[in-house]
Structure formats: structure tokens, C-alpha cells
C-alpha atoms as a PDB file:
ATOM      1  CA  PHE A   1      20.243  -8.253   4.284  1.00  0.00           C
ATOM      2  CA  ARG A   2      18.329  -5.114   3.227  1.00  0.00           C
ATOM      3  CA  ARG A   3      18.249  -6.413  -0.351  1.00  0.00           C
ATOM      4  CA  LEU A   4      16.750  -9.710   0.848  1.00  0.00           C
ATOM      5  CA  ILE A   5      14.073  -7.831   2.801  1.00  0.00           C
ATOM      6  CA  GLY A   6      13.261  -5.732  -0.223  1.00  0.00           C
ATOM      7  CA  LEU A   7      12.869  -8.812  -2.376  1.00  0.00           C
ATOM      8  CA  THR A   8      10.559 -10.360   0.202  1.00  0.00           C
ATOM      9  CA  LEU A   9       8.352  -7.293   0.450  1.00  0.00           C
ATOM     10  CA  LEU A  10       8.064  -6.789  -3.294  1.00  0.00           C
ATOM     11  CA  SER A  11       8.239 -10.316  -4.660  1.00  0.00           C
ATOM     12  CA  PHE A  12       4.440 -10.265  -4.928  1.00  0.00           C
ATOM     13  CA  LEU A  13       4.454  -7.925  -7.840  1.00  0.00           C
ATOM     14  CA  ALA A  14       5.004 -10.310 -10.738  1.00  0.00           C
ATOM     15  CA  VAL A  15       3.291  -8.828 -13.752  1.00  0.00           C
ATOM     16  CA  THR A  16       0.003 -10.359 -14.919  1.00  0.00           C
ATOM     17  CA  GLY A  17      -2.237  -8.628 -17.503  1.00  0.00           C
ATOM     18  CA  ALA A  18      -4.686  -5.922 -16.537  1.00  0.00           C
ATOM     19  CA  ARG A  19      -6.070  -2.462 -17.027  1.00  0.00           C
ATOM     20  CA  LYS A  20      -4.836   1.055 -16.572  1.00  0.00           C
ATOM     21  CA  SER A  21      -5.926   3.315 -13.739  1.00  0.00           C
ATOM     22  CA  ARG A  22      -8.167   6.273 -14.450  1.00  0.00           C
ATOM     23  CA  SER A  23      -5.350   8.726 -13.860  1.00  0.00           C
ATOM     24  CA  SER A  24      -1.646   8.890 -14.573  1.00  0.00           C
ATOM     25  CA  GLY A  25      -0.493   6.323 -12.043  1.00  0.00           C
ATOM     26  CA  PRO A  26       2.824   4.440 -12.063  1.00  0.00           C
ATOM     27  CA  SER A  27       3.908   2.790 -15.304  1.00  0.00           C
ATOM     28  CA  ILE A  28       3.446  -0.628 -13.659  1.00  0.00           C
ATOM     29  CA  CYS A  29      -0.304   0.002 -13.901  1.00  0.00           C
ATOM     30  CA  ALA A  30      -0.112  -0.664 -17.628  1.00  0.00           C
ATOM     31  CA  GLU A  31       0.793  -4.270 -16.740  1.00  0.00           C
ATOM     32  CA  VAL A  32      -1.111  -5.154 -13.563  1.00  0.00           C
ATOM     33  CA  GLU A  33      -4.512  -4.128 -12.243  1.00  0.00           C
ATOM     34  CA  CYS A  34      -4.005  -1.125  -9.982  1.00  0.00           C
ATOM     35  CA  PHE A  35      -6.066   0.602  -7.319  1.00  0.00           C
ATOM     36  CA  GLU A  36      -7.889   3.204  -9.408  1.00  0.00           C
ATOM     37  CA  PHE A  37      -8.076   6.796  -8.255  1.00  0.00           C
ATOM     38  CA  ASP A  38      -9.079  10.279  -9.329  1.00  0.00           C
ATOM     39  CA  GLU A  39      -6.414  12.915  -8.949  1.00  0.00           C
ATOM     40  CA  VAL A  40      -7.655  15.943  -7.034  1.00  0.00           C
ATOM     41  CA  CYS A  41      -4.495  18.074  -7.172  1.00  0.00           C
ATOM     42  CA  ASN A  42      -0.733  17.736  -6.987  1.00  0.00           C
ATOM     43  CA  SER A  43       2.527  19.600  -6.593  1.00  0.00           C
ATOM     44  CA  THR A  44       6.206  18.765  -6.267  1.00  0.00           C
ATOM     45  CA  ASP A  45       5.564  18.162  -2.538  1.00  0.00           C
ATOM     46  CA  PHE A  46       2.605  15.757  -2.576  1.00  0.00           C
ATOM     47  CA  GLU A  47      -0.552  14.627  -4.372  1.00  0.00           C
ATOM     48  CA  VAL A  48      -4.177  14.471  -3.277  1.00  0.00           C
ATOM     49  CA  ARG A  49      -6.198  11.502  -4.565  1.00  0.00           C
ATOM     50  CA  HIS A  50      -9.760  10.288  -4.229  1.00  0.00           C
ATOM     51  CA  TYR A  51     -10.364   6.544  -3.911  1.00  0.00           C
ATOM     52  CA  ASN A  52     -13.725   4.781  -3.956  1.00  0.00           C
ATOM     53  CA  THR A  53     -14.696   2.031  -1.514  1.00  0.00           C
ATOM     54  CA  SER A  54     -12.626  -1.083  -2.174  1.00  0.00           C
ATOM     55  CA  MET A  55     -12.193  -4.661  -0.974  1.00  0.00           C
ATOM     56  CA  TRP A  56      -8.831  -6.126   0.028  1.00  0.00           C
ATOM     57  CA  VAL A  57      -7.404  -9.301   1.502  1.00  0.00           C
ATOM     58  CA  SER A  58      -5.382  -8.543   4.613  1.00  0.00           C
ATOM     59  CA  THR A  59      -3.366 -10.007   7.441  1.00  0.00           C
ATOM     60  CA  GLU A  60      -1.676  -8.660  10.550  1.00  0.00           C
ATOM     61  CA  SER A  61       1.795  -9.465  11.777  1.00  0.00           C
ATOM     62  CA  ARG A  62       3.425  -8.235  14.966  1.00  0.00           C
ATOM     63  CA  ALA A  63       7.150  -7.534  15.072  1.00  0.00           C
ATOM     64  CA  TYR A  64       9.746  -5.003  16.149  1.00  0.00           C
ATOM     65  CA  ILE A  65      10.235  -3.664  12.631  1.00  0.00           C
ATOM     66  CA  MET A  66       8.200  -3.799   9.425  1.00  0.00           C
ATOM     67  CA  GLU A  67      10.751  -5.939   7.624  1.00  0.00           C
ATOM     68  CA  MET A  68      10.440  -8.722  10.198  1.00  0.00           C
ATOM     69  CA  ALA A  69       6.642  -8.644   9.947  1.00  0.00           C
ATOM     70  CA  ALA A  70       6.819  -8.756   6.131  1.00  0.00           C
ATOM     71  CA  PHE A  71       8.116 -12.322   5.937  1.00  0.00           C
ATOM     72  CA  GLU A  72       5.044 -13.736   7.660  1.00  0.00           C
ATOM     73  CA  GLY A  73       2.446 -11.264   6.395  1.00  0.00           C
ATOM     74  CA  LEU A  74       3.321 -11.413   2.724  1.00  0.00           C
ATOM     75  CA  HIS A  75       3.631 -15.182   2.728  1.00  0.00           C
ATOM     76  CA  ARG A  76       0.037 -15.435   3.989  1.00  0.00           C
ATOM     77  CA  LEU A  77      -1.287 -13.124   1.267  1.00  0.00           C
ATOM     78  CA  TYR A  78       0.666 -14.933  -1.421  1.00  0.00           C
ATOM     79  CA  SER A  79      -0.774 -18.253  -0.242  1.00  0.00           C
ATOM     80  CA  TYR A  80      -4.288 -16.790  -0.435  1.00  0.00           C
ATOM     81  CA  ILE A  81      -3.989 -15.733  -4.074  1.00  0.00           C
ATOM     82  CA  GLN A  82      -2.305 -19.069  -4.892  1.00  0.00           C
ATOM     83  CA  GLY A  83      -5.370 -21.030  -3.819  1.00  0.00           C
ATOM     84  CA  GLU A  84      -5.655 -20.967  -0.029  1.00  0.00           C
ATOM     85  CA  ASN A  85      -9.205 -19.674  -0.291  1.00  0.00           C
ATOM     86  CA  ALA A  86     -12.719 -21.125  -0.181  1.00  0.00           C
ATOM     87  CA  TYR A  87     -12.907 -21.409  -3.991  1.00  0.00           C
ATOM     88  CA  GLY A  88      -9.424 -22.854  -4.363  1.00  0.00           C
ATOM     89  CA  VAL A  89      -8.813 -20.400  -7.210  1.00  0.00           C
ATOM     90  CA  ILE A  90      -5.643 -18.663  -8.350  1.00  0.00           C
ATOM     91  CA  ILE A  91      -6.190 -14.907  -8.133  1.00  0.00           C
ATOM     92  CA  ASP A  92      -4.294 -12.404 -10.277  1.00  0.00           C
ATOM     93  CA  MET A  93      -1.766 -10.118  -8.650  1.00  0.00           C
ATOM     94  CA  THR A  94      -2.667  -6.439  -8.276  1.00  0.00           C
ATOM     95  CA  ALA A  95      -0.899  -3.282  -7.140  1.00  0.00           C
ATOM     96  CA  PRO A  96      -0.068  -1.782  -4.807  1.00  0.00           C
ATOM     97  CA  VAL A  97       0.696  -3.905  -1.783  1.00  0.00           C
ATOM     98  CA  LEU A  98      -0.310  -1.739   1.176  1.00  0.00           C
ATOM     99  CA  VAL A  99       1.417  -1.850   4.554  1.00  0.00           C
ATOM    100  CA  LYS A 100      -0.277  -0.019   7.418  1.00  0.00           C
ATOM    101  CA  VAL A 101       2.472   1.298   9.675  1.00  0.00           C
ATOM    102  CA  PRO A 102       1.843   2.678  13.188  1.00  0.00           C
ATOM    103  CA  ARG A 103       3.669   5.979  13.619  1.00  0.00           C
ATOM    104  CA  TYR A 104       4.354   6.026  17.321  1.00  0.00           C
ATOM    105  CA  LYS A 105       6.233   3.195  18.972  1.00  0.00           C
ATOM    106  CA  GLY A 106       9.408   2.851  20.960  1.00  0.00           C
ATOM    107  CA  PHE A 107      12.586   1.541  19.361  1.00  0.00           C
ATOM    108  CA  LEU A 108      12.396  -1.703  21.350  1.00  0.00           C
ATOM    109  CA  GLU A 109       8.601  -1.933  21.212  1.00  0.00           C
ATOM    110  CA  ALA A 110       6.776  -4.415  18.957  1.00  0.00           C
ATOM    111  CA  ALA A 111       3.983  -3.143  16.748  1.00  0.00           C
ATOM    112  CA  THR A 112       1.231  -4.635  14.596  1.00  0.00           C
ATOM    113  CA  TYR A 113       1.632  -4.140  10.845  1.00  0.00           C
ATOM    114  CA  THR A 114      -1.256  -4.781   8.463  1.00  0.00           C
ATOM    115  CA  PHE A 115      -0.481  -6.064   4.961  1.00  0.00           C
ATOM    116  CA  SER A 116      -3.187  -5.762   2.308  1.00  0.00           C
ATOM    117  CA  LEU A 117      -3.611  -6.758  -1.325  1.00  0.00           C
ATOM    118  CA  LEU A 118      -6.320  -5.287  -3.562  1.00  0.00           C
ATOM    119  CA  LEU A 119      -8.807  -7.850  -4.824  1.00  0.00           C
ATOM    120  CA  PRO A 120      -9.202  -7.806  -8.636  1.00  0.00           C
ATOM    121  CA  ALA A 121     -12.348  -6.218 -10.081  1.00  0.00           C
ATOM    122  CA  GLU A 122     -14.008  -9.611 -10.620  1.00  0.00           C
ATOM    123  CA  TYR A 123     -13.786 -10.306  -6.875  1.00  0.00           C
ATOM    124  CA  GLN A 124     -14.691  -6.868  -5.534  1.00  0.00           C
ATOM    125  CA  GLN A 125     -18.321  -7.854  -4.946  1.00  0.00           C
ATOM    126  CA  SER A 126     -17.849 -11.521  -4.059  1.00  0.00           C
ATOM    127  CA  ALA A 127     -14.431 -12.668  -2.915  1.00  0.00           C
ATOM    128  CA  PRO A 128     -13.531 -16.156  -1.695  1.00  0.00           C
ATOM    129  CA  GLU A 129     -13.074 -16.386   2.049  1.00  0.00           C
ATOM    130  CA  PRO A 130      -9.526 -17.175   3.194  1.00  0.00           C
ATOM    131  CA  THR A 131      -8.940 -20.623   4.646  1.00  0.00           C
ATOM    132  CA  ASN A 132      -6.158 -19.329   6.910  1.00  0.00           C
ATOM    133  CA  PRO A 133      -7.788 -17.875  10.060  1.00  0.00           C
ATOM    134  CA  ASN A 134      -5.075 -15.196  10.186  1.00  0.00           C
ATOM    135  CA  VAL A 135      -6.116 -13.825   6.776  1.00  0.00           C
ATOM    136  CA  PHE A 136      -9.299 -11.789   6.352  1.00  0.00           C
ATOM    137  CA  LEU A 137     -11.236  -9.753   3.820  1.00  0.00           C
ATOM    138  CA  SER A 138     -11.306  -6.042   4.586  1.00  0.00           C
ATOM    139  CA  GLU A 139     -12.948  -2.943   3.180  1.00  0.00           C
ATOM    140  CA  LEU A 140     -11.334   0.446   2.719  1.00  0.00           C
ATOM    141  CA  PRO A 141     -14.009   3.145   2.725  1.00  0.00           C
ATOM    142  CA  GLU A 142     -14.189   5.957   0.213  1.00  0.00           C
ATOM    143  CA  MET A 143     -11.350   8.282   1.109  1.00  0.00           C
ATOM    144  CA  HIS A 144      -9.084  11.144   0.159  1.00  0.00           C
ATOM    145  CA  VAL A 145      -5.402  10.380   0.486  1.00  0.00           C
ATOM    146  CA  TYR A 146      -2.304  12.549   0.704  1.00  0.00           C
ATOM    147  CA  VAL A 147       0.458  10.840  -1.272  1.00  0.00           C
ATOM    148  CA  LYS A 148       4.208  11.357  -1.490  1.00  0.00           C
ATOM    149  CA  PRO A 149       5.764   9.200  -4.247  1.00  0.00           C
ATOM    150  CA  PHE A 150       9.418   8.209  -4.249  1.00  0.00           C
ATOM    151  CA  SER A 151      11.795   5.942  -6.132  1.00  0.00           C
ATOM    152  CA  GLY A 152      13.046   2.808  -4.418  1.00  0.00           C
ATOM    153  CA  TRP A 153      11.862  -0.172  -2.426  1.00  0.00           C
ATOM    154  CA  ILE A 154       9.646  -0.009   0.649  1.00  0.00           C
ATOM    155  CA  LEU A 155      11.945  -0.304   3.649  1.00  0.00           C
ATOM    156  CA  THR A 156      11.739   1.351   7.051  1.00  0.00           C
ATOM    157  CA  MET A 157      14.906   3.326   6.401  1.00  0.00           C
ATOM    158  CA  THR A 158      13.537   4.660   3.107  1.00  0.00           C
ATOM    159  CA  SER A 159       9.802   5.123   3.720  1.00  0.00           C
ATOM    160  CA  LYS A 160       9.878   6.563   7.246  1.00  0.00           C
ATOM    161  CA  PRO A 161      11.713   9.766   6.244  1.00  0.00           C
ATOM    162  CA  TYR A 162       9.199  10.320   3.437  1.00  0.00           C
ATOM    163  CA  ALA A 163       6.325   9.847   5.885  1.00  0.00           C
ATOM    164  CA  LYS A 164       7.886  12.436   8.192  1.00  0.00           C
ATOM    165  CA  SER A 165       8.375  14.795   5.262  1.00  0.00           C
ATOM    166  CA  LEU A 166       4.773  14.384   4.114  1.00  0.00           C
ATOM    167  CA  ALA A 167       3.446  14.957   7.654  1.00  0.00           C
ATOM    168  CA  ARG A 168       5.533  18.120   7.872  1.00  0.00           C
ATOM    169  CA  ASP A 169       4.188  19.357   4.513  1.00  0.00           C
ATOM    170  CA  LEU A 170       0.618  18.737   5.658  1.00  0.00           C
ATOM    171  CA  ASN A 171       1.145  20.426   9.007  1.00  0.00           C
ATOM    172  CA  ASP A 172       2.633  23.442   7.234  1.00  0.00           C
ATOM    173  CA  ILE A 173      -0.640  24.057   5.368  1.00  0.00           C
ATOM    174  CA  GLY A 174      -2.875  23.127   8.297  1.00  0.00           C
ATOM    175  CA  ALA A 175      -4.272  19.982   6.677  1.00  0.00           C
ATOM    176  CA  SER A 176      -6.184  17.549   8.884  1.00  0.00           C
ATOM    177  CA  PHE A 177      -5.166  13.908   8.540  1.00  0.00           C
ATOM    178  CA  ASN A 178      -4.991  10.685  10.533  1.00  0.00           C
ATOM    179  CA  ASN A 179      -1.615  11.018  12.190  1.00  0.00           C
ATOM    180  CA  ALA A 180      -1.680   7.674  14.041  1.00  0.00           C
ATOM    181  CA  PHE A 181      -0.505   5.623  11.064  1.00  0.00           C
ATOM    182  CA  TYR A 182       0.518   5.833   7.437  1.00  0.00           C
ATOM    183  CA  TYR A 183       0.481   3.424   4.524  1.00  0.00           C
ATOM    184  CA  ASN A 184       3.440   2.251   2.515  1.00  0.00           C
ATOM    185  CA  ALA A 185       2.403   1.431  -1.049  1.00  0.00           C
ATOM    186  CA  ALA A 186       4.700  -0.862  -3.061  1.00  0.00           C
ATOM    187  CA  TYR A 187       4.105  -1.220  -6.798  1.00  0.00           C
ATOM    188  CA  ASN A 188       7.034  -2.888  -8.530  1.00  0.00           C
ATOM    189  CA  SER A 189       8.537  -6.346  -8.696  1.00  0.00           C
ATOM    190  CA  PRO A 190      12.074  -6.991  -7.416  1.00  0.00           C
ATOM    191  CA  MET A 191      13.162  -7.224 -11.048  1.00  0.00           C
ATOM    192  CA  ALA A 192      12.732  -3.462 -11.194  1.00  0.00           C
ATOM    193  CA  LEU A 193      16.159  -2.708  -9.786  1.00  0.00           C
ATOM    194  CA  LEU A 194      15.961   0.854 -11.093  1.00  0.00           C
ATOM    195  CA  ASN A 195      13.092   3.342 -10.971  1.00  0.00           C
ATOM    196  CA  ALA A 196      10.880   1.279  -8.659  1.00  0.00           C
ATOM    197  CA  HIS A 197       7.809   3.330  -7.718  1.00  0.00           C
ATOM    198  CA  SER A 198       6.749   3.502  -4.071  1.00  0.00           C
ATOM    199  CA  GLU A 199       4.549   5.839  -2.055  1.00  0.00           C
ATOM    200  CA  VAL A 200       3.619   6.862   1.479  1.00  0.00           C
ATOM    201  CA  TRP A 201      -0.008   7.783   2.241  1.00  0.00           C
ATOM    202  CA  PHE A 202      -1.845   9.659   4.962  1.00  0.00           C
ATOM    203  CA  ILE A 203      -5.653   9.494   5.081  1.00  0.00           C
ATOM    204  CA  ALA A 204      -7.330  12.916   5.026  1.00  0.00           C
ATOM    205  CA  ASN A 205      -9.850  13.845   7.688  1.00  0.00           C
ATOM    206  CA  GLY A 206     -12.838  15.444   5.990  1.00  0.00           C
ATOM    207  CA  ASN A 207     -12.283  17.577   2.905  1.00  0.00           C
ATOM    208  CA  PRO A 208      -8.647  17.524   1.795  1.00  0.00           C
ATOM    209  CA  MET A 209      -6.443  20.572   1.301  1.00  0.00           C
ATOM    210  CA  CYS A 210      -4.435  21.025  -1.856  1.00  0.00           C
ATOM    211  CA  PRO A 211      -0.753  21.942  -1.664  1.00  0.00           C
ATOM    212  CA  ILE A 212       0.111  25.614  -1.890  1.00  0.00           C
ATOM    213  CA  PRO A 213       1.583  26.398  -5.347  1.00  0.00           C
ATOM    214  CA  SER A 214       5.288  27.160  -5.119  1.00  0.00           C
END
């Protein structure tokens, strides 16, 4: 079952030609267009990145766990890039797929998860409107992001511990960040059975703090 969920969440990431990111991002970014960033600093604990304003296509899905929400949310985004948009155009795949995950909810409490896909450079200024009313264009503002990379697929049982670890690292150095949610970032296709690259992100409040050298 967990393997099926992983395939659903990452089946978006079929490789289609593109450009490399400005910095040393995942190897998948040599094959698909990735969300470009400038590296501010890094350590073995976490990285600090700067991202410019960017446009995404997004959808929300409410469920008890992220994996249940993924079936509906990712299907909507896939349909959008396959032509369910005002131009009727096929849009190239990009990376990563972002999943906004609320941090605080009860075990038996449903939550709203937001799934987002970066629009390619050619559509950053003028993107086709979705034809599905549950899909919308969204803007991420310029931001600094605390990032903890890890190997493996994005699943609740794998990403949540990394989010807790990253929050602990940030609290240890007194960093200010939005603690209400985190992002899961999935880069690889399900064909990447080994060495899949995934990340958890927290958004910095104000100027970011770099990790203390060990």
C-alpha cells in the first residue's frame, strides 16, 4: 500500500527536457526544469536558500492523511498540465511537486493539504487559467527557506520525522520560522527506486539564520 501511495505522489515526475538550477540542486534538475534558488549557506543539518517570486498551479484536498489527499490533488494537477486549461495546451513537467502540510492536527482530524506544481519559465508571466474550478494559479512570494534534504519518497511516515528534526535544529539556534506548516518537496519519478531526492522546507520569518558550524 505504501508503495502504491509513493507511486501516486511521485508519478508526476516523468523527465522532460529543461535547464539546470543556478545552484547545486538535485541531479534530477539536469533533466527537468527545477525551481531555481540561490544557496545562502548549508551544513550537515540543513540548508538556507533564497527563492524569487514564482507562479504555481495549485489545488487543495482535505483528508485525514496526506496520502489520501494525494490521489485527488495530484490527479487535478496532472489533468491541468495535460490540457485542462484555457489554452488547451500540454505543459512540461517541472520539479519539485510541493505539498503544504499543516503541522498541528489531531490523529483523527482531517486537514487541508495544498499540492502545487511550478509553472515552466514560459508561463511564469502568463499562464493559462485552469478549467477545473478546484485548481487555481498561485504565487509564492520571494522567500528564504530552511531545507532538510533526505533520500526516499515523500510519505507521512518518512517526511514528518525530518520536519520535526528540522524544527528542532532551527529552535536550537533561535531561528524564526513559520511553524504552522511545512512543505514536502518531491523531485524524482517512481522509476527512481534508489537515491530519490526529497526535502522538507520551513519558511523563514525575516532574515534567515545560518546553521552553526559543527
